[in-house]
PDB file of N, CA and C in Angstrom:
ATOM      1  N   MET A   1     112.531 129.728  94.525  1.00  0.00           N
ATOM      2  CA  MET A   1     111.271 129.609  95.395  1.00  0.00           C
ATOM      3  C   MET A   1     111.758 128.972  96.637  1.00  0.00           C
ATOM      4  N   ASP A   2     110.956 129.411  97.818  1.00  0.00           N
ATOM      5  CA  ASP A   2     111.322 128.887  99.085  1.00  0.00           C
ATOM      6  C   ASP A   2     110.595 127.555  99.221  1.00  0.00           C
ATOM      7  N   GLU A   3     110.852 127.052 100.488  1.00  0.00           N
ATOM      8  CA  GLU A   3     110.248 125.698 100.831  1.00  0.00           C
ATOM      9  C   GLU A   3     108.668 125.787 100.905  1.00  0.00           C
ATOM     10  N   LYS A   4     107.989 126.840 101.415  1.00  0.00           N
ATOM     11  CA  LYS A   4     106.623 127.223 101.442  1.00  0.00           C
ATOM     12  C   LYS A   4     106.047 127.341 100.159  1.00  0.00           C
ATOM     13  N   ALA A   5     106.654 128.121  99.320  1.00  0.00           N
ATOM     14  CA  ALA A   5     106.009 128.175  97.954  1.00  0.00           C
ATOM     15  C   ALA A   5     106.100 126.966  97.296  1.00  0.00           C
ATOM     16  N   ILE A   6     107.024 126.019  97.232  1.00  0.00           N
ATOM     17  CA  ILE A   6     107.162 124.744  96.650  1.00  0.00           C
ATOM     18  C   ILE A   6     105.992 123.897  97.078  1.00  0.00           C
ATOM     19  N   ARG A   7     105.742 123.885  98.572  1.00  0.00           N
ATOM     20  CA  ARG A   7     104.843 122.984  99.070  1.00  0.00           C
ATOM     21  C   ARG A   7     103.529 123.380  98.707  1.00  0.00           C
ATOM     22  N   THR A   8     103.191 124.730  98.625  1.00  0.00           N
ATOM     23  CA  THR A   8     102.017 125.160  98.195  1.00  0.00           C
ATOM     24  C   THR A   8     101.703 124.897  96.613  1.00  0.00           C
ATOM     25  N   ALA A   9     102.696 125.210  95.967  1.00  0.00           N
ATOM     26  CA  ALA A   9     102.411 124.769  94.430  1.00  0.00           C
ATOM     27  C   ALA A   9     102.262 123.386  94.192  1.00  0.00           C
ATOM     28  N   TRP A  10     102.978 122.488  94.893  1.00  0.00           N
ATOM     29  CA  TRP A  10     102.927 121.140  94.775  1.00  0.00           C
ATOM     30  C   TRP A  10     101.440 120.641  95.177  1.00  0.00           C
ATOM     31  N   SER A  11     101.123 121.205  96.341  1.00  0.00           N
ATOM     32  CA  SER A  11      99.833 120.698  96.857  1.00  0.00           C
ATOM     33  C   SER A  11      98.774 121.181  95.766  1.00  0.00           C
ATOM     34  N   PHE A  12      98.756 122.521  95.350  1.00  0.00           N
ATOM     35  CA  PHE A  12      97.741 122.910  94.223  1.00  0.00           C
ATOM     36  C   PHE A  12      97.763 122.235  93.106  1.00  0.00           C
ATOM     37  N   LEU A  13      98.934 121.961  92.588  1.00  0.00           N
ATOM     38  CA  LEU A  13      99.156 121.196  91.334  1.00  0.00           C
ATOM     39  C   LEU A  13      98.615 119.741  91.533  1.00  0.00           C
ATOM     40  N   GLY A  14      99.070 119.169  92.566  1.00  0.00           N
ATOM     41  CA  GLY A  14      98.361 117.691  92.794  1.00  0.00           C
ATOM     42  C   GLY A  14      96.946 117.695  92.974  1.00  0.00           C
ATOM     43  N   LEU A  15      96.471 118.534  93.540  1.00  0.00           N
ATOM     44  CA  LEU A  15      94.864 118.647  93.443  1.00  0.00           C
ATOM     45  C   LEU A  15      94.096 118.788  92.223  1.00  0.00           C
ATOM     46  N   LEU A  16      94.962 119.735  91.423  1.00  0.00           N
ATOM     47  CA  LEU A  16      94.416 120.065  90.078  1.00  0.00           C
ATOM     48  C   LEU A  16      94.446 118.878  89.230  1.00  0.00           C
ATOM     49  N   GLY A  17      95.636 118.227  89.291  1.00  0.00           N
ATOM     50  CA  GLY A  17      95.856 117.046  88.431  1.00  0.00           C
ATOM     51  C   GLY A  17      94.913 115.900  88.702  1.00  0.00           C
ATOM     52  N   SER A  18      94.674 115.729  90.092  1.00  0.00           N
ATOM     53  CA  SER A  18      93.645 114.561  90.593  1.00  0.00           C
ATOM     54  C   SER A  18      92.345 114.907  90.139  1.00  0.00           C
ATOM     55  N   ALA A  19      91.862 116.001  90.141  1.00  0.00           N
ATOM     56  CA  ALA A  19      90.563 116.462  90.106  1.00  0.00           C
ATOM     57  C   ALA A  19      90.257 116.436  88.490  1.00  0.00           C
ATOM     58  N   PHE A  20      91.341 116.974  87.707  1.00  0.00           N
ATOM     59  CA  PHE A  20      91.180 117.036  86.302  1.00  0.00           C
ATOM     60  C   PHE A  20      91.116 115.395  85.758  1.00  0.00           C
ATOM     61  N   SER A  21      92.012 114.670  86.340  1.00  0.00           N
ATOM     62  CA  SER A  21      92.203 113.131  85.753  1.00  0.00           C
ATOM     63  C   SER A  21      90.683 112.420  86.291  1.00  0.00           C
ATOM     64  N   PHE A  22      90.345 112.721  87.372  1.00  0.00           N
ATOM     65  CA  PHE A  22      88.991 112.106  87.774  1.00  0.00           C
ATOM     66  C   PHE A  22      87.707 112.485  86.878  1.00  0.00           C
ATOM     67  N   ASP A  23      87.709 113.933  86.630  1.00  0.00           N
ATOM     68  CA  ASP A  23      86.805 114.472  85.688  1.00  0.00           C
ATOM     69  C   ASP A  23      86.877 113.891  84.308  1.00  0.00           C
ATOM     70  N   ALA A  24      88.160 113.688  83.776  1.00  0.00           N
ATOM     71  CA  ALA A  24      88.528 113.177  82.463  1.00  0.00           C
ATOM     72  C   ALA A  24      88.064 111.771  82.318  1.00  0.00           C
ATOM     73  N   VAL A  25      88.285 110.917  83.401  1.00  0.00           N
ATOM     74  CA  VAL A  25      87.863 109.481  83.434  1.00  0.00           C
ATOM     75  C   VAL A  25      86.350 109.429  83.252  1.00  0.00           C
ATOM     76  N   LEU A  26      85.532 110.278  84.106  1.00  0.00           N
ATOM     77  CA  LEU A  26      84.240 110.186  84.103  1.00  0.00           C
ATOM     78  C   LEU A  26      83.625 110.621  82.632  1.00  0.00           C
ATOM     79  N   ARG A  27      84.245 111.618  82.258  1.00  0.00           N
ATOM     80  CA  ARG A  27      83.682 112.011  80.732  1.00  0.00           C
ATOM     81  C   ARG A  27      84.055 111.004  79.792  1.00  0.00           C
ATOM     82  N   THR A  28      85.117 110.343  79.796  1.00  0.00           N
ATOM     83  CA  THR A  28      85.426 109.269  78.779  1.00  0.00           C
ATOM     84  C   THR A  28      84.653 108.000  78.761  1.00  0.00           C
ATOM     85  N   THR A  29      84.246 107.813  80.110  1.00  0.00           N
ATOM     86  CA  THR A  29      83.148 106.598  80.353  1.00  0.00           C
ATOM     87  C   THR A  29      81.989 106.949  80.167  1.00  0.00           C
ATOM     88  N   ARG A  30      81.602 108.139  79.954  1.00  0.00           N
ATOM     89  CA  ARG A  30      80.231 108.566  79.916  1.00  0.00           C
ATOM     90  C   ARG A  30      79.461 108.611  80.930  1.00  0.00           C
ATOM     91  N   SER A  31      80.222 108.663  82.156  1.00  0.00           N
ATOM     92  CA  SER A  31      79.401 108.871  83.394  1.00  0.00           C
ATOM     93  C   SER A  31      79.582 110.378  83.990  1.00  0.00           C
ATOM     94  N   GLY A  32      79.724 111.287  83.057  1.00  0.00           N
ATOM     95  CA  GLY A  32      80.123 112.621  83.271  1.00  0.00           C
ATOM     96  C   GLY A  32      79.320 113.304  84.569  1.00  0.00           C
ATOM     97  N   ALA A  33      79.927 114.256  85.215  1.00  0.00           N
ATOM     98  CA  ALA A  33      79.268 114.894  86.274  1.00  0.00           C
ATOM     99  C   ALA A  33      78.944 116.445  85.685  1.00  0.00           C
ATOM    100  N   ALA A  34      78.377 117.139  86.614  1.00  0.00           N
ATOM    101  CA  ALA A  34      78.137 118.416  86.256  1.00  0.00           C
ATOM    102  C   ALA A  34      79.473 119.146  85.945  1.00  0.00           C
ATOM    103  N   ASP A  35      79.323 120.167  85.201  1.00  0.00           N
ATOM    104  CA  ASP A  35      80.556 120.892  84.583  1.00  0.00           C
ATOM    105  C   ASP A  35      80.764 122.100  85.651  1.00  0.00           C
ATOM    106  N   THR A  36      80.853 121.763  86.878  1.00  0.00           N
ATOM    107  CA  THR A  36      81.348 122.660  87.933  1.00  0.00           C
ATOM    108  C   THR A  36      82.733 123.119  87.985  1.00  0.00           C
ATOM    109  N   VAL A  37      83.770 122.229  87.562  1.00  0.00           N
ATOM    110  CA  VAL A  37      85.233 122.337  87.705  1.00  0.00           C
ATOM    111  C   VAL A  37      85.751 122.666  86.330  1.00  0.00           C
ATOM    112  N   PHE A  38      85.580 121.717  85.455  1.00  0.00           N
ATOM    113  CA  PHE A  38      86.176 121.740  84.204  1.00  0.00           C
ATOM    114  C   PHE A  38      85.053 121.560  83.145  1.00  0.00           C
ATOM    115  N   PRO A  39      84.898 122.710  82.143  1.00  0.00           N
ATOM    116  CA  PRO A  39      83.761 122.419  81.236  1.00  0.00           C
ATOM    117  C   PRO A  39      84.180 121.709  80.121  1.00  0.00           C
ATOM    118  N   LEU A  40      84.067 120.415  80.344  1.00  0.00           N
ATOM    119  CA  LEU A  40      84.353 119.467  79.072  1.00  0.00           C
ATOM    120  C   LEU A  40      82.944 118.833  78.463  1.00  0.00           C
ATOM    121  N   SER A  41      81.862 119.191  78.754  1.00  0.00           N
ATOM    122  CA  SER A  41      80.708 118.557  78.329  1.00  0.00           C
ATOM    123  C   SER A  41      80.497 118.891  76.948  1.00  0.00           C
ATOM    124  N   THR A  42      81.177 119.836  76.229  1.00  0.00           N
ATOM    125  CA  THR A  42      80.805 120.299  74.916  1.00  0.00           C
ATOM    126  C   THR A  42      81.492 119.328  74.066  1.00  0.00           C
ATOM    127  N   TYR A  43      82.559 118.563  74.626  1.00  0.00           N
ATOM    128  CA  TYR A  43      83.457 117.593  73.700  1.00  0.00           C
ATOM    129  C   TYR A  43      82.859 116.137  74.078  1.00  0.00           C
ATOM    130  N   GLY A  44      83.025 115.349  73.102  1.00  0.00           N
ATOM    131  CA  GLY A  44      82.866 113.996  73.036  1.00  0.00           C
ATOM    132  C   GLY A  44      83.857 113.130  73.552  1.00  0.00           C
ATOM    133  N   PRO A  45      83.431 111.972  74.197  1.00  0.00           N
ATOM    134  CA  PRO A  45      84.563 111.159  74.793  1.00  0.00           C
ATOM    135  C   PRO A  45      85.847 111.002  74.129  1.00  0.00           C
ATOM    136  N   GLU A  46      85.985 111.042  72.945  1.00  0.00           N
ATOM    137  CA  GLU A  46      87.276 110.869  72.355  1.00  0.00           C
ATOM    138  C   GLU A  46      88.156 112.140  72.314  1.00  0.00           C
ATOM    139  N   ALA A  47      87.294 113.218  72.283  1.00  0.00           N
ATOM    140  CA  ALA A  47      87.789 114.794  72.326  1.00  0.00           C
ATOM    141  C   ALA A  47      88.487 114.843  73.648  1.00  0.00           C
ATOM    142  N   VAL A  48      87.768 114.617  74.554  1.00  0.00           N
ATOM    143  CA  VAL A  48      88.121 114.587  76.013  1.00  0.00           C
ATOM    144  C   VAL A  48      89.492 113.869  76.117  1.00  0.00           C
ATOM    145  N   THR A  49      89.599 112.742  75.872  1.00  0.00           N
ATOM    146  CA  THR A  49      90.606 111.887  75.915  1.00  0.00           C
ATOM    147  C   THR A  49      91.760 112.563  75.344  1.00  0.00           C
ATOM    148  N   MET A  50      91.755 113.192  74.005  1.00  0.00           N
ATOM    149  CA  MET A  50      92.972 113.807  73.329  1.00  0.00           C
ATOM    150  C   MET A  50      93.336 115.072  74.126  1.00  0.00           C
ATOM    151  N   ILE A  51      92.296 115.772  74.858  1.00  0.00           N
ATOM    152  CA  ILE A  51      92.617 116.900  75.663  1.00  0.00           C
ATOM    153  C   ILE A  51      93.287 116.532  77.189  1.00  0.00           C
ATOM    154  N   ALA A  52      92.753 115.494  77.514  1.00  0.00           N
ATOM    155  CA  ALA A  52      93.302 115.063  78.908  1.00  0.00           C
ATOM    156  C   ALA A  52      94.545 114.628  79.037  1.00  0.00           C
ATOM    157  N   ILE A  53      95.054 113.896  78.109  1.00  0.00           N
ATOM    158  CA  ILE A  53      96.503 113.156  78.209  1.00  0.00           C
ATOM    159  C   ILE A  53      97.446 114.294  78.093  1.00  0.00           C
ATOM    160  N   PRO A  54      97.444 115.168  77.083  1.00  0.00           N
ATOM    161  CA  PRO A  54      98.619 116.088  77.072  1.00  0.00           C
ATOM    162  C   PRO A  54      98.615 117.056  78.499  1.00  0.00           C
ATOM    163  N   PHE A  55      97.253 117.541  78.784  1.00  0.00           N
ATOM    164  CA  PHE A  55      97.081 118.238  79.890  1.00  0.00           C
ATOM    165  C   PHE A  55      97.453 117.619  81.211  1.00  0.00           C
ATOM    166  N   GLY A  56      97.036 116.464  81.264  1.00  0.00           N
ATOM    167  CA  GLY A  56      97.415 115.587  82.490  1.00  0.00           C
ATOM    168  C   GLY A  56      98.899 115.282  82.703  1.00  0.00           C
ATOM    169  N   ALA A  57      99.388 114.975  81.368  1.00  0.00           N
ATOM    170  CA  ALA A  57     101.006 114.707  81.370  1.00  0.00           C
ATOM    171  C   ALA A  57     101.703 116.052  81.814  1.00  0.00           C
ATOM    172  N   GLY A  58     101.467 117.188  81.368  1.00  0.00           N
ATOM    173  CA  GLY A  58     101.967 118.332  81.802  1.00  0.00           C
ATOM    174  C   GLY A  58     101.909 118.732  83.312  1.00  0.00           C
ATOM    175  N   LEU A  59     100.817 118.525  83.863  1.00  0.00           N
ATOM    176  CA  LEU A  59     100.456 118.572  85.236  1.00  0.00           C
ATOM    177  C   LEU A  59     101.374 117.687  86.053  1.00  0.00           C
ATOM    178  N   LEU A  60     101.461 116.417  85.625  1.00  0.00           N
ATOM    179  CA  LEU A  60     102.232 115.219  86.296  1.00  0.00           C
ATOM    180  C   LEU A  60     103.678 115.791  86.209  1.00  0.00           C
ATOM    181  N   LEU A  61     104.121 116.295  85.051  1.00  0.00           N
ATOM    182  CA  LEU A  61     105.687 116.573  85.038  1.00  0.00           C
ATOM    183  C   LEU A  61     105.902 117.799  85.945  1.00  0.00           C
ATOM    184  N   LEU A  62     105.108 118.742  86.003  1.00  0.00           N
ATOM    185  CA  LEU A  62     105.375 119.916  86.883  1.00  0.00           C
ATOM    186  C   LEU A  62     105.177 119.361  88.404  1.00  0.00           C
ATOM    187  N   VAL A  63     104.385 118.373  88.717  1.00  0.00           N
ATOM    188  CA  VAL A  63     104.400 117.941  89.977  1.00  0.00           C
ATOM    189  C   VAL A  63     105.664 117.157  90.385  1.00  0.00           C
ATOM    190  N   LEU A  64     106.158 116.222  89.335  1.00  0.00           N
ATOM    191  CA  LEU A  64     107.325 115.645  89.551  1.00  0.00           C
ATOM    192  C   LEU A  64     108.566 116.589  89.663  1.00  0.00           C
ATOM    193  N   TRP A  65     108.630 117.523  88.816  1.00  0.00           N
ATOM    194  CA  TRP A  65     109.719 118.459  89.039  1.00  0.00           C
ATOM    195  C   TRP A  65     109.794 119.194  90.149  1.00  0.00           C
ATOM    196  N   LEU A  66     108.735 119.531  90.835  1.00  0.00           N
ATOM    197  CA  LEU A  66     108.660 120.242  92.186  1.00  0.00           C
ATOM    198  C   LEU A  66     109.116 119.210  93.163  1.00  0.00           C
ATOM    199  N   THR A  67     108.502 118.091  92.921  1.00  0.00           N
ATOM    200  CA  THR A  67     108.854 116.880  94.025  1.00  0.00           C
ATOM    201  C   THR A  67     110.519 116.684  94.051  1.00  0.00           C
ATOM    202  N   ARG A  68     110.969 116.630  92.682  1.00  0.00           N
ATOM    203  CA  ARG A  68     112.555 116.584  92.816  1.00  0.00           C
ATOM    204  C   ARG A  68     113.287 117.908  93.200  1.00  0.00           C
ATOM    205  N   ARG A  69     112.695 119.004  93.162  1.00  0.00           N
ATOM    206  CA  ARG A  69     113.433 120.305  93.541  1.00  0.00           C
ATOM    207  C   ARG A  69     113.284 120.520  95.043  1.00  0.00           C
ATOM    208  N   TYR A  70     112.418 120.017  95.577  1.00  0.00           N
ATOM    209  CA  TYR A  70     112.056 120.108  97.109  1.00  0.00           C
ATOM    210  C   TYR A  70     113.247 119.950  97.817  1.00  0.00           C
ATOM    211  N   PRO A  71     113.982 118.743  97.874  1.00  0.00           N
ATOM    212  CA  PRO A  71     115.035 118.427  98.835  1.00  0.00           C
ATOM    213  C   PRO A  71     116.164 119.328  98.628  1.00  0.00           C
ATOM    214  N   SER A  72     116.339 119.938  97.406  1.00  0.00           N
ATOM    215  CA  SER A  72     117.487 121.048  97.187  1.00  0.00           C
ATOM    216  C   SER A  72     117.275 122.265  97.879  1.00  0.00           C
ATOM    217  N   ILE A  73     115.830 122.606  97.937  1.00  0.00           N
ATOM    218  CA  ILE A  73     115.362 123.815  98.632  1.00  0.00           C
ATOM    219  C   ILE A  73     115.491 123.793 100.177  1.00  0.00           C
ATOM    220  N   ALA A  74     114.764 122.612 100.523  1.00  0.00           N
ATOM    221  CA  ALA A  74     114.628 122.552 102.022  1.00  0.00           C
ATOM    222  C   ALA A  74     115.537 121.324 102.535  1.00  0.00           C
ATOM    223  N   PRO A  75     116.904 121.518 102.772  1.00  0.00           N
ATOM    224  CA  PRO A  75     117.741 120.413 103.012  1.00  0.00           C
ATOM    225  C   PRO A  75     117.085 119.495 104.236  1.00  0.00           C
ATOM    226  N   PRO A  76     116.830 118.166 104.005  1.00  0.00           N
ATOM    227  CA  PRO A  76     116.233 117.327 104.710  1.00  0.00           C
ATOM    228  C   PRO A  76     117.075 116.718 105.790  1.00  0.00           C
ATOM    229  N   ALA A  77     116.369 116.851 107.206  1.00  0.00           N
ATOM    230  CA  ALA A  77     116.953 116.484 108.331  1.00  0.00           C
ATOM    231  C   ALA A  77     116.899 115.075 108.598  1.00  0.00           C
ATOM    232  N   THR A  78     115.948 114.575 108.240  1.00  0.00           N
ATOM    233  CA  THR A  78     115.502 113.002 107.966  1.00  0.00           C
ATOM    234  C   THR A  78     114.979 112.756 106.720  1.00  0.00           C
ATOM    235  N   TRP A  79     114.976 111.342 106.265  1.00  0.00           N
ATOM    236  CA  TRP A  79     114.604 110.742 105.227  1.00  0.00           C
ATOM    237  C   TRP A  79     113.204 111.130 104.917  1.00  0.00           C
ATOM    238  N   SER A  80     112.353 111.041 105.931  1.00  0.00           N
ATOM    239  CA  SER A  80     110.910 111.481 105.724  1.00  0.00           C
ATOM    240  C   SER A  80     110.657 112.789 105.242  1.00  0.00           C
ATOM    241  N   SER A  81     111.463 113.767 105.504  1.00  0.00           N
ATOM    242  CA  SER A  81     111.282 115.147 105.256  1.00  0.00           C
ATOM    243  C   SER A  81     111.722 115.557 103.741  1.00  0.00           C
ATOM    244  N   LYS A  82     112.112 114.524 103.054  1.00  0.00           N
ATOM    245  CA  LYS A  82     112.781 114.728 101.651  1.00  0.00           C
ATOM    246  C   LYS A  82     111.485 114.875 100.668  1.00  0.00           C
ATOM    247  N   MET A  83     110.226 114.617 101.031  1.00  0.00           N
ATOM    248  CA  MET A  83     108.977 114.843 100.186  1.00  0.00           C
ATOM    249  C   MET A  83     108.039 115.826 100.811  1.00  0.00           C
ATOM    250  N   PRO A  84     107.634 116.736  99.743  1.00  0.00           N
ATOM    251  CA  PRO A  84     106.689 117.861 100.280  1.00  0.00           C
ATOM    252  C   PRO A  84     105.368 117.315 100.849  1.00  0.00           C
ATOM    253  N   VAL A  85     104.961 117.888 101.894  1.00  0.00           N
ATOM    254  CA  VAL A  85     103.697 117.482 102.638  1.00  0.00           C
ATOM    255  C   VAL A  85     102.401 118.248 102.083  1.00  0.00           C
ATOM    256  N   PHE A  86     101.464 117.807 101.746  1.00  0.00           N
ATOM    257  CA  PHE A  86     100.340 118.438 101.369  1.00  0.00           C
ATOM    258  C   PHE A  86      99.868 119.379 102.297  1.00  0.00           C
ATOM    259  N   TYR A  87      99.716 120.853 102.145  1.00  0.00           N
ATOM    260  CA  TYR A  87      99.515 121.604 103.072  1.00  0.00           C
ATOM    261  C   TYR A  87      98.774 122.964 102.430  1.00  0.00           C
ATOM    262  N   PHE A  88      97.969 123.558 103.092  1.00  0.00           N
ATOM    263  CA  PHE A  88      97.466 124.913 102.658  1.00  0.00           C
ATOM    264  C   PHE A  88      97.523 125.626 103.961  1.00  0.00           C
ATOM    265  N   GLY A  89      98.124 126.785 104.305  1.00  0.00           N
ATOM    266  CA  GLY A  89      98.100 127.335 105.470  1.00  0.00           C
ATOM    267  C   GLY A  89      96.905 128.099 105.659  1.00  0.00           C
ATOM    268  N   THR A  90      96.652 128.928 106.890  1.00  0.00           N
ATOM    269  CA  THR A  90      95.516 129.614 106.965  1.00  0.00           C
ATOM    270  C   THR A  90      95.378 130.975 106.187  1.00  0.00           C
ATOM    271  N   GLU A  91      96.735 131.500 105.761  1.00  0.00           N
ATOM    272  CA  GLU A  91      96.666 132.555 104.786  1.00  0.00           C
ATOM    273  C   GLU A  91      96.080 132.350 103.407  1.00  0.00           C
ATOM    274  N   TYR A  92      95.923 131.161 103.050  1.00  0.00           N
ATOM    275  CA  TYR A  92      95.228 130.664 101.938  1.00  0.00           C
ATOM    276  C   TYR A  92      93.673 130.413 101.947  1.00  0.00           C
ATOM    277  N   VAL A  93      93.585 129.672 103.174  1.00  0.00           N
ATOM    278  CA  VAL A  93      92.166 128.997 103.258  1.00  0.00           C
ATOM    279  C   VAL A  93      91.875 129.412 104.681  1.00  0.00           C
ATOM    280  N   ASP A  94      90.777 130.003 105.025  1.00  0.00           N
ATOM    281  CA  ASP A  94      90.462 130.620 106.276  1.00  0.00           C
ATOM    282  C   ASP A  94      89.119 129.956 106.805  1.00  0.00           C
ATOM    283  N   PRO A  95      89.211 128.849 107.476  1.00  0.00           N
ATOM    284  CA  PRO A  95      87.878 128.162 107.801  1.00  0.00           C
ATOM    285  C   PRO A  95      86.847 128.912 108.323  1.00  0.00           C
ATOM    286  N   PRO A  96      87.137 129.784 109.187  1.00  0.00           N
ATOM    287  CA  PRO A  96      85.791 130.521 109.952  1.00  0.00           C
ATOM    288  C   PRO A  96      85.137 131.307 108.844  1.00  0.00           C
ATOM    289  N   SER A  97      86.024 131.919 108.053  1.00  0.00           N
ATOM    290  CA  SER A  97      85.137 132.706 107.014  1.00  0.00           C
ATOM    291  C   SER A  97      84.462 132.011 105.915  1.00  0.00           C
ATOM    292  N   VAL A  98      84.792 130.811 105.789  1.00  0.00           N
ATOM    293  CA  VAL A  98      84.264 129.894 104.958  1.00  0.00           C
ATOM    294  C   VAL A  98      82.878 129.434 105.441  1.00  0.00           C
ATOM    295  N   ILE A  99      82.845 129.155 106.689  1.00  0.00           N
ATOM    296  CA  ILE A  99      81.743 128.587 107.484  1.00  0.00           C
ATOM    297  C   ILE A  99      80.691 129.623 107.784  1.00  0.00           C
ATOM    298  N   ALA A 100      81.202 130.813 108.088  1.00  0.00           N
ATOM    299  CA  ALA A 100      80.264 131.777 108.467  1.00  0.00           C
ATOM    300  C   ALA A 100      79.463 132.550 107.244  1.00  0.00           C
TER     301      ALA A 100
END
């Protein structure tokens, strides 16, 4: 994997993990939101917890693995460039086409 691929995968998995964790917390506290992202409403709060912990742990491990792998792919020039930066390029998201 090159630097751009790792940064994109890191950004996607970080967003996915954050959104899933937030939705799981809402479900387990019975403050649930609409099932627009993750269809978890068919399960009770206890079942959502049992599903969310392994899935969230797996996502976290993937993000941590990519974070550790990033400096070996892109040799850092400075200390601050040792971490991937959250970024999606215009080839993935084209704002003018979304707005129009």
